[in-house]
PDB file of N, CA and C in Angstrom:
ATOM      1  N   MET A   1      12.204  -2.517 -25.491  1.00  0.00           N
ATOM      2  CA  MET A   1      13.080  -2.243 -24.380  1.00  0.00           C
ATOM      3  C   MET A   1      12.448  -2.817 -23.111  1.00  0.00           C
ATOM      4  N   CYS A   2      13.259  -3.438 -22.294  1.00  0.00           N
ATOM      5  CA  CYS A   2      12.794  -4.000 -21.025  1.00  0.00           C
ATOM      6  C   CYS A   2      13.257  -3.109 -19.885  1.00  0.00           C
ATOM      7  N   LEU A   3      12.377  -2.908 -18.930  1.00  0.00           N
ATOM      8  CA  LEU A   3      12.706  -2.104 -17.759  1.00  0.00           C
ATOM      9  C   LEU A   3      12.444  -2.906 -16.498  1.00  0.00           C
ATOM     10  N   ALA A   4      13.232  -2.654 -15.485  1.00  0.00           N
ATOM     11  CA  ALA A   4      12.958  -3.202 -14.162  1.00  0.00           C
ATOM     12  C   ALA A   4      12.024  -2.226 -13.455  1.00  0.00           C
ATOM     13  N   MET A   5      11.038  -2.758 -12.762  1.00  0.00           N
ATOM     14  CA  MET A   5      10.021  -1.931 -12.117  1.00  0.00           C
ATOM     15  C   MET A   5      10.023  -2.141 -10.610  1.00  0.00           C
ATOM     16  N   PRO A   6       9.825  -1.085  -9.838  1.00  0.00           N
ATOM     17  CA  PRO A   6       9.656  -1.269  -8.401  1.00  0.00           C
ATOM     18  C   PRO A   6       8.276  -1.858  -8.112  1.00  0.00           C
ATOM     19  N   MET A   7       8.254  -2.843  -7.225  1.00  0.00           N
ATOM     20  CA  MET A   7       6.997  -3.464  -6.817  1.00  0.00           C
ATOM     21  C   MET A   7       7.014  -3.652  -5.307  1.00  0.00           C
ATOM     22  N   GLN A   8       5.820  -3.659  -4.709  1.00  0.00           N
ATOM     23  CA  GLN A   8       5.693  -3.842  -3.267  1.00  0.00           C
ATOM     24  C   GLN A   8       5.218  -5.259  -2.973  1.00  0.00           C
ATOM     25  N   ILE A   9       5.911  -5.913  -2.048  1.00  0.00           N
ATOM     26  CA  ILE A   9       5.588  -7.285  -1.654  1.00  0.00           C
ATOM     27  C   ILE A   9       4.292  -7.295  -0.842  1.00  0.00           C
ATOM     28  N   THR A  10       3.341  -8.139  -1.252  1.00  0.00           N
ATOM     29  CA  THR A  10       2.081  -8.263  -0.520  1.00  0.00           C
ATOM     30  C   THR A  10       1.920  -9.623   0.148  1.00  0.00           C
ATOM     31  N   ARG A  11       2.669 -10.614  -0.318  1.00  0.00           N
ATOM     32  CA  ARG A  11       2.600 -11.959   0.269  1.00  0.00           C
ATOM     33  C   ARG A  11       3.897 -12.688  -0.058  1.00  0.00           C
ATOM     34  N   ILE A  12       4.377 -13.476   0.901  1.00  0.00           N
ATOM     35  CA  ILE A  12       5.583 -14.276   0.681  1.00  0.00           C
ATOM     36  C   ILE A  12       5.254 -15.730   0.959  1.00  0.00           C
ATOM     37  N   ASP A  13       5.709 -16.600   0.055  1.00  0.00           N
ATOM     38  CA  ASP A  13       5.520 -18.039   0.210  1.00  0.00           C
ATOM     39  C   ASP A  13       6.826 -18.716  -0.194  1.00  0.00           C
ATOM     40  N   GLY A  14       7.706 -18.897   0.774  1.00  0.00           N
ATOM     41  CA  GLY A  14       9.009 -19.503   0.491  1.00  0.00           C
ATOM     42  C   GLY A  14       9.867 -18.583  -0.351  1.00  0.00           C
ATOM     43  N   SER A  15      10.266 -19.064  -1.530  1.00  0.00           N
ATOM     44  CA  SER A  15      11.140 -18.265  -2.393  1.00  0.00           C
ATOM     45  C   SER A  15      10.363 -17.512  -3.477  1.00  0.00           C
ATOM     46  N   THR A  16       9.038 -17.475  -3.337  1.00  0.00           N
ATOM     47  CA  THR A  16       8.228 -16.676  -4.254  1.00  0.00           C
ATOM     48  C   THR A  16       7.404 -15.674  -3.463  1.00  0.00           C
ATOM     49  N   ALA A  17       6.934 -14.655  -4.158  1.00  0.00           N
ATOM     50  CA  ALA A  17       6.133 -13.627  -3.503  1.00  0.00           C
ATOM     51  C   ALA A  17       5.100 -13.096  -4.480  1.00  0.00           C
ATOM     52  N   ARG A  18       4.087 -12.472  -3.926  1.00  0.00           N
ATOM     53  CA  ARG A  18       3.101 -11.727  -4.712  1.00  0.00           C
ATOM     54  C   ARG A  18       3.450 -10.262  -4.505  1.00  0.00           C
ATOM     55  N   ALA A  19       3.505  -9.517  -5.609  1.00  0.00           N
ATOM     56  CA  ALA A  19       3.884  -8.110  -5.525  1.00  0.00           C
ATOM     57  C   ALA A  19       2.955  -7.280  -6.392  1.00  0.00           C
ATOM     58  N   THR A  20       2.831  -6.005  -6.049  1.00  0.00           N
ATOM     59  CA  THR A  20       1.955  -5.102  -6.779  1.00  0.00           C
ATOM     60  C   THR A  20       2.686  -3.810  -7.116  1.00  0.00           C
ATOM     61  N   ALA A  21       2.288  -3.229  -8.243  1.00  0.00           N
ATOM     62  CA  ALA A  21       2.830  -1.937  -8.658  1.00  0.00           C
ATOM     63  C   ALA A  21       1.782  -1.226  -9.497  1.00  0.00           C
ATOM     64  N   GLN A  22       1.312  -0.115  -9.014  1.00  0.00           N
ATOM     65  CA  GLN A  22       0.370   0.725  -9.751  1.00  0.00           C
ATOM     66  C   GLN A  22      -0.803  -0.082 -10.307  1.00  0.00           C
ATOM     67  N   GLY A  23      -1.375  -0.921  -9.446  1.00  0.00           N
ATOM     68  CA  GLY A  23      -2.555  -1.688  -9.808  1.00  0.00           C
ATOM     69  C   GLY A  23      -2.303  -3.013 -10.507  1.00  0.00           C
ATOM     70  N   ILE A  24      -1.051  -3.340 -10.762  1.00  0.00           N
ATOM     71  CA  ILE A  24      -0.701  -4.597 -11.423  1.00  0.00           C
ATOM     72  C   ILE A  24      -0.126  -5.548 -10.383  1.00  0.00           C
ATOM     73  N   GLU A  25      -0.609  -6.798 -10.365  1.00  0.00           N
ATOM     74  CA  GLU A  25      -0.094  -7.807  -9.444  1.00  0.00           C
ATOM     75  C   GLU A  25       0.645  -8.885 -10.221  1.00  0.00           C
ATOM     76  N   ARG A  26       1.748  -9.345  -9.638  1.00  0.00           N
ATOM     77  CA  ARG A  26       2.554 -10.394 -10.268  1.00  0.00           C
ATOM     78  C   ARG A  26       3.111 -11.319  -9.193  1.00  0.00           C
ATOM     79  N   ASP A  27       3.321 -12.580  -9.580  1.00  0.00           N
ATOM     80  CA  ASP A  27       4.100 -13.494  -8.760  1.00  0.00           C
ATOM     81  C   ASP A  27       5.550 -13.303  -9.169  1.00  0.00           C
ATOM     82  N   ILE A  28       6.427 -13.169  -8.180  1.00  0.00           N
ATOM     83  CA  ILE A  28       7.839 -12.940  -8.469  1.00  0.00           C
ATOM     84  C   ILE A  28       8.704 -13.936  -7.714  1.00  0.00           C
ATOM     85  N   ASP A  29       9.891 -14.153  -8.219  1.00  0.00           N
ATOM     86  CA  ASP A  29      10.854 -15.073  -7.624  1.00  0.00           C
ATOM     87  C   ASP A  29      11.821 -14.281  -6.746  1.00  0.00           C
ATOM     88  N   LEU A  30      12.067 -14.763  -5.540  1.00  0.00           N
ATOM     89  CA  LEU A  30      12.950 -14.088  -4.585  1.00  0.00           C
ATOM     90  C   LEU A  30      14.342 -14.707  -4.495  1.00  0.00           C
ATOM     91  N   MET A  31      14.644 -15.668  -5.361  1.00  0.00           N
ATOM     92  CA  MET A  31      15.926 -16.381  -5.276  1.00  0.00           C
ATOM     93  C   MET A  31      17.141 -15.446  -5.327  1.00  0.00           C
ATOM     94  N   LEU A  32      17.069 -14.370  -6.097  1.00  0.00           N
ATOM     95  CA  LEU A  32      18.221 -13.483  -6.253  1.00  0.00           C
ATOM     96  C   LEU A  32      18.400 -12.503  -5.094  1.00  0.00           C
ATOM     97  N   VAL A  33      17.435 -12.469  -4.178  1.00  0.00           N
ATOM     98  CA  VAL A  33      17.541 -11.567  -3.025  1.00  0.00           C
ATOM     99  C   VAL A  33      17.548 -12.339  -1.705  1.00  0.00           C
ATOM    100  N   GLN A  34      17.946 -13.604  -1.761  1.00  0.00           N
ATOM    101  CA  GLN A  34      17.981 -14.423  -0.545  1.00  0.00           C
ATOM    102  C   GLN A  34      18.913 -13.854   0.512  1.00  0.00           C
ATOM    103  N   ASP A  35      19.923 -13.095   0.089  1.00  0.00           N
ATOM    104  CA  ASP A  35      20.876 -12.514   1.034  1.00  0.00           C
ATOM    105  C   ASP A  35      20.358 -11.217   1.661  1.00  0.00           C
ATOM    106  N   GLN A  36      19.187 -10.760   1.236  1.00  0.00           N
ATOM    107  CA  GLN A  36      18.600  -9.530   1.755  1.00  0.00           C
ATOM    108  C   GLN A  36      17.366  -9.865   2.584  1.00  0.00           C
ATOM    109  N   GLU A  37      17.136  -9.093   3.612  1.00  0.00           N
ATOM    110  CA  GLU A  37      15.956  -9.296   4.445  1.00  0.00           C
ATOM    111  C   GLU A  37      14.757  -8.653   3.750  1.00  0.00           C
ATOM    112  N   ILE A  38      13.842  -9.479   3.259  1.00  0.00           N
ATOM    113  CA  ILE A  38      12.673  -9.010   2.517  1.00  0.00           C
ATOM    114  C   ILE A  38      11.421  -9.407   3.287  1.00  0.00           C
ATOM    115  N   GLY A  39      10.511  -8.451   3.478  1.00  0.00           N
ATOM    116  CA  GLY A  39       9.273  -8.732   4.184  1.00  0.00           C
ATOM    117  C   GLY A  39       8.074  -8.132   3.477  1.00  0.00           C
ATOM    118  N   ILE A  40       6.899  -8.476   3.954  1.00  0.00           N
ATOM    119  CA  ILE A  40       5.663  -7.923   3.405  1.00  0.00           C
ATOM    120  C   ILE A  40       5.687  -6.411   3.601  1.00  0.00           C
ATOM    121  N   GLY A  41       5.352  -5.692   2.540  1.00  0.00           N
ATOM    122  CA  GLY A  41       5.371  -4.235   2.564  1.00  0.00           C
ATOM    123  C   GLY A  41       6.642  -3.638   1.997  1.00  0.00           C
ATOM    124  N   ASP A  42       7.687  -4.456   1.863  1.00  0.00           N
ATOM    125  CA  ASP A  42       8.945  -3.966   1.292  1.00  0.00           C
ATOM    126  C   ASP A  42       8.808  -3.777  -0.209  1.00  0.00           C
ATOM    127  N   PHE A  43       9.658  -2.911  -0.744  1.00  0.00           N
ATOM    128  CA  PHE A  43       9.731  -2.690  -2.185  1.00  0.00           C
ATOM    129  C   PHE A  43      10.965  -3.385  -2.736  1.00  0.00           C
ATOM    130  N   VAL A  44      10.803  -3.967  -3.920  1.00  0.00           N
ATOM    131  CA  VAL A  44      11.924  -4.588  -4.626  1.00  0.00           C
ATOM    132  C   VAL A  44      11.872  -4.131  -6.078  1.00  0.00           C
ATOM    133  N   ILE A  45      13.022  -4.131  -6.717  1.00  0.00           N
ATOM    134  CA  ILE A  45      13.068  -3.849  -8.149  1.00  0.00           C
ATOM    135  C   ILE A  45      12.941  -5.194  -8.858  1.00  0.00           C
ATOM    136  N   VAL A  46      12.013  -5.297  -9.818  1.00  0.00           N
ATOM    137  CA  VAL A  46      11.679  -6.569 -10.461  1.00  0.00           C
ATOM    138  C   VAL A  46      11.944  -6.482 -11.962  1.00  0.00           C
ATOM    139  N   HIS A  47      12.615  -7.500 -12.475  1.00  0.00           N
ATOM    140  CA  HIS A  47      12.873  -7.602 -13.914  1.00  0.00           C
ATOM    141  C   HIS A  47      12.599  -9.035 -14.345  1.00  0.00           C
ATOM    142  N   VAL A  48      11.804  -9.202 -15.371  1.00  0.00           N
ATOM    143  CA  VAL A  48      11.377 -10.494 -15.918  1.00  0.00           C
ATOM    144  C   VAL A  48      10.996 -11.509 -14.833  1.00  0.00           C
ATOM    145  N   GLY A  49      10.273 -11.023 -13.821  1.00  0.00           N
ATOM    146  CA  GLY A  49       9.756 -11.913 -12.798  1.00  0.00           C
ATOM    147  C   GLY A  49      10.675 -12.196 -11.628  1.00  0.00           C
ATOM    148  N   TYR A  50      11.854 -11.590 -11.617  1.00  0.00           N
ATOM    149  CA  TYR A  50      12.813 -11.807 -10.533  1.00  0.00           C
ATOM    150  C   TYR A  50      13.039 -10.521  -9.751  1.00  0.00           C
ATOM    151  N   ALA A  51      12.946 -10.610  -8.430  1.00  0.00           N
ATOM    152  CA  ALA A  51      13.330  -9.484  -7.585  1.00  0.00           C
ATOM    153  C   ALA A  51      14.851  -9.392  -7.612  1.00  0.00           C
ATOM    154  N   LEU A  52      15.358  -8.210  -7.925  1.00  0.00           N
ATOM    155  CA  LEU A  52      16.804  -8.030  -8.055  1.00  0.00           C
ATOM    156  C   LEU A  52      17.444  -7.375  -6.844  1.00  0.00           C
ATOM    157  N   HIS A  53      16.675  -6.501  -6.167  1.00  0.00           N
ATOM    158  CA  HIS A  53      17.258  -5.731  -5.069  1.00  0.00           C
ATOM    159  C   HIS A  53      16.137  -5.086  -4.264  1.00  0.00           C
ATOM    160  N   ARG A  54      16.337  -4.977  -2.967  1.00  0.00           N
ATOM    161  CA  ARG A  54      15.382  -4.286  -2.102  1.00  0.00           C
ATOM    162  C   ARG A  54      15.558  -2.781  -2.271  1.00  0.00           C
ATOM    163  N   LEU A  55      14.438  -2.049  -2.290  1.00  0.00           N
ATOM    164  CA  LEU A  55      14.449  -0.597  -2.417  1.00  0.00           C
ATOM    165  C   LEU A  55      13.804   0.044  -1.201  1.00  0.00           C
ATOM    166  N   SER A  56      14.212   1.269  -0.910  1.00  0.00           N
ATOM    167  CA  SER A  56      13.499   2.045   0.099  1.00  0.00           C
ATOM    168  C   SER A  56      12.204   2.564  -0.531  1.00  0.00           C
ATOM    169  N   THR A  57      11.281   2.987   0.297  1.00  0.00           N
ATOM    170  CA  THR A  57      10.040   3.566  -0.208  1.00  0.00           C
ATOM    171  C   THR A  57      10.339   4.773  -1.083  1.00  0.00           C
ATOM    172  N   ASP A  58      11.267   5.624  -0.647  1.00  0.00           N
ATOM    173  CA  ASP A  58      11.630   6.815  -1.425  1.00  0.00           C
ATOM    174  C   ASP A  58      12.197   6.446  -2.791  1.00  0.00           C
ATOM    175  N   GLU A  59      13.033   5.405  -2.853  1.00  0.00           N
ATOM    176  CA  GLU A  59      13.596   4.968  -4.137  1.00  0.00           C
ATOM    177  C   GLU A  59      12.501   4.461  -5.071  1.00  0.00           C
ATOM    178  N   ALA A  60      11.558   3.694  -4.522  1.00  0.00           N
ATOM    179  CA  ALA A  60      10.462   3.166  -5.343  1.00  0.00           C
ATOM    180  C   ALA A  60       9.603   4.304  -5.888  1.00  0.00           C
ATOM    181  N   LEU A  61       9.240   5.252  -5.037  1.00  0.00           N
ATOM    182  CA  LEU A  61       8.406   6.372  -5.479  1.00  0.00           C
ATOM    183  C   LEU A  61       9.122   7.231  -6.511  1.00  0.00           C
ATOM    184  N   ALA A  62      10.407   7.493  -6.295  1.00  0.00           N
ATOM    185  CA  ALA A  62      11.183   8.289  -7.249  1.00  0.00           C
ATOM    186  C   ALA A  62      11.272   7.588  -8.603  1.00  0.00           C
ATOM    187  N   THR A  63      11.426   6.277  -8.591  1.00  0.00           N
ATOM    188  CA  THR A  63      11.493   5.520  -9.845  1.00  0.00           C
ATOM    189  C   THR A  63      10.166   5.582 -10.583  1.00  0.00           C
ATOM    190  N   TRP A  64       9.045   5.405  -9.860  1.00  0.00           N
ATOM    191  CA  TRP A  64       7.730   5.500 -10.499  1.00  0.00           C
ATOM    192  C   TRP A  64       7.513   6.888 -11.096  1.00  0.00           C
ATOM    193  N   GLN A  65       7.924   7.940 -10.368  1.00  0.00           N
ATOM    194  CA  GLN A  65       7.773   9.303 -10.888  1.00  0.00           C
ATOM    195  C   GLN A  65       8.587   9.496 -12.161  1.00  0.00           C
ATOM    196  N   LEU A  66       9.805   8.981 -12.170  1.00  0.00           N
ATOM    197  CA  LEU A  66      10.653   9.093 -13.355  1.00  0.00           C
ATOM    198  C   LEU A  66      10.029   8.356 -14.544  1.00  0.00           C
ATOM    199  N   LEU A  67       9.566   7.141 -14.313  1.00  0.00           N
ATOM    200  CA  LEU A  67       8.940   6.370 -15.393  1.00  0.00           C
ATOM    201  C   LEU A  67       7.664   7.041 -15.894  1.00  0.00           C
ATOM    202  N   ASP A  68       6.878   7.610 -14.978  1.00  0.00           N
ATOM    203  CA  ASP A  68       5.669   8.330 -15.379  1.00  0.00           C
ATOM    204  C   ASP A  68       6.010   9.550 -16.223  1.00  0.00           C
ATOM    205  N   SER A  69       7.071  10.264 -15.868  1.00  0.00           N
ATOM    206  CA  SER A  69       7.446  11.456 -16.635  1.00  0.00           C
ATOM    207  C   SER A  69       7.928  11.082 -18.029  1.00  0.00           C
ATOM    208  N   VAL A  70       8.640   9.977 -18.155  1.00  0.00           N
ATOM    209  CA  VAL A  70       9.079   9.512 -19.474  1.00  0.00           C
ATOM    210  C   VAL A  70       7.865   9.120 -20.311  1.00  0.00           C
ATOM    211  N   ASP A  71       6.909   8.435 -19.689  1.00  0.00           N
ATOM    212  CA  ASP A  71       5.704   7.990 -20.388  1.00  0.00           C
ATOM    213  C   ASP A  71       4.879   9.176 -20.880  1.00  0.00           C
ATOM    214  N   THR A  72       4.752  10.222 -20.085  1.00  0.00           N
ATOM    215  CA  THR A  72       3.928  11.370 -20.465  1.00  0.00           C
ATOM    216  C   THR A  72       4.603  12.253 -21.506  1.00  0.00           C
ATOM    217  N   GLN A  73       5.899  12.076 -21.708  1.00  0.00           N
ATOM    218  CA  GLN A  73       6.594  12.858 -22.728  1.00  0.00           C
ATOM    219  C   GLN A  73       6.361  12.296 -24.121  1.00  0.00           C
ATOM    220  N   GLY A  74       5.711  11.128 -24.199  1.00  0.00           N
ATOM    221  CA  GLY A  74       5.349  10.560 -25.495  1.00  0.00           C
ATOM    222  C   GLY A  74       6.533  10.162 -26.336  1.00  0.00           C
ATOM    223  N   GLY A  75       7.417   9.388 -25.746  1.00  0.00           N
ATOM    224  CA  GLY A  75       8.612   8.943 -26.457  1.00  0.00           C
ATOM    225  C   GLY A  75       8.295   8.099 -27.678  1.00  0.00           C
ATOM    226  N   ASP A  76       9.294   7.851 -28.464  1.00  0.00           N
ATOM    227  CA  ASP A  76       9.188   7.041 -29.676  1.00  0.00           C
ATOM    228  C   ASP A  76       9.019   5.580 -29.288  1.00  0.00           C
ATOM    229  N   ASP A  77       8.007   4.912 -29.818  1.00  0.00           N
ATOM    230  CA  ASP A  77       7.726   3.519 -29.472  1.00  0.00           C
ATOM    231  C   ASP A  77       8.520   2.519 -30.300  1.00  0.00           C
ATOM    232  N   HIS A  78       9.412   2.974 -31.141  1.00  0.00           N
ATOM    233  CA  HIS A  78      10.193   2.056 -31.972  1.00  0.00           C
ATOM    234  C   HIS A  78      11.325   1.459 -31.160  1.00  0.00           C
ATOM    235  N   ALA A  79      11.415   0.135 -31.174  1.00  0.00           N
ATOM    236  CA  ALA A  79      12.472  -0.537 -30.408  1.00  0.00           C
ATOM    237  C   ALA A  79      13.534  -1.067 -31.328  1.00  0.00           C
TER     238      ALA A  79
END
């Protein structure tokens, strides 16, 4: 199963950015959010390397909490 994850922008270079989430850093593509004002420190939801939408800080934190709670419940790893 694939999930989109909230990540925080740490650097922007044209249509790409460096983003971090819970200690993981990735280069992401900003092409799909060109119509949104994205800056360093902003949160975006990322799926397969593409930023899909800008998130508020509260939305990002709530999503991480939800994902953490699912992970700690020890779900079935069969896909």
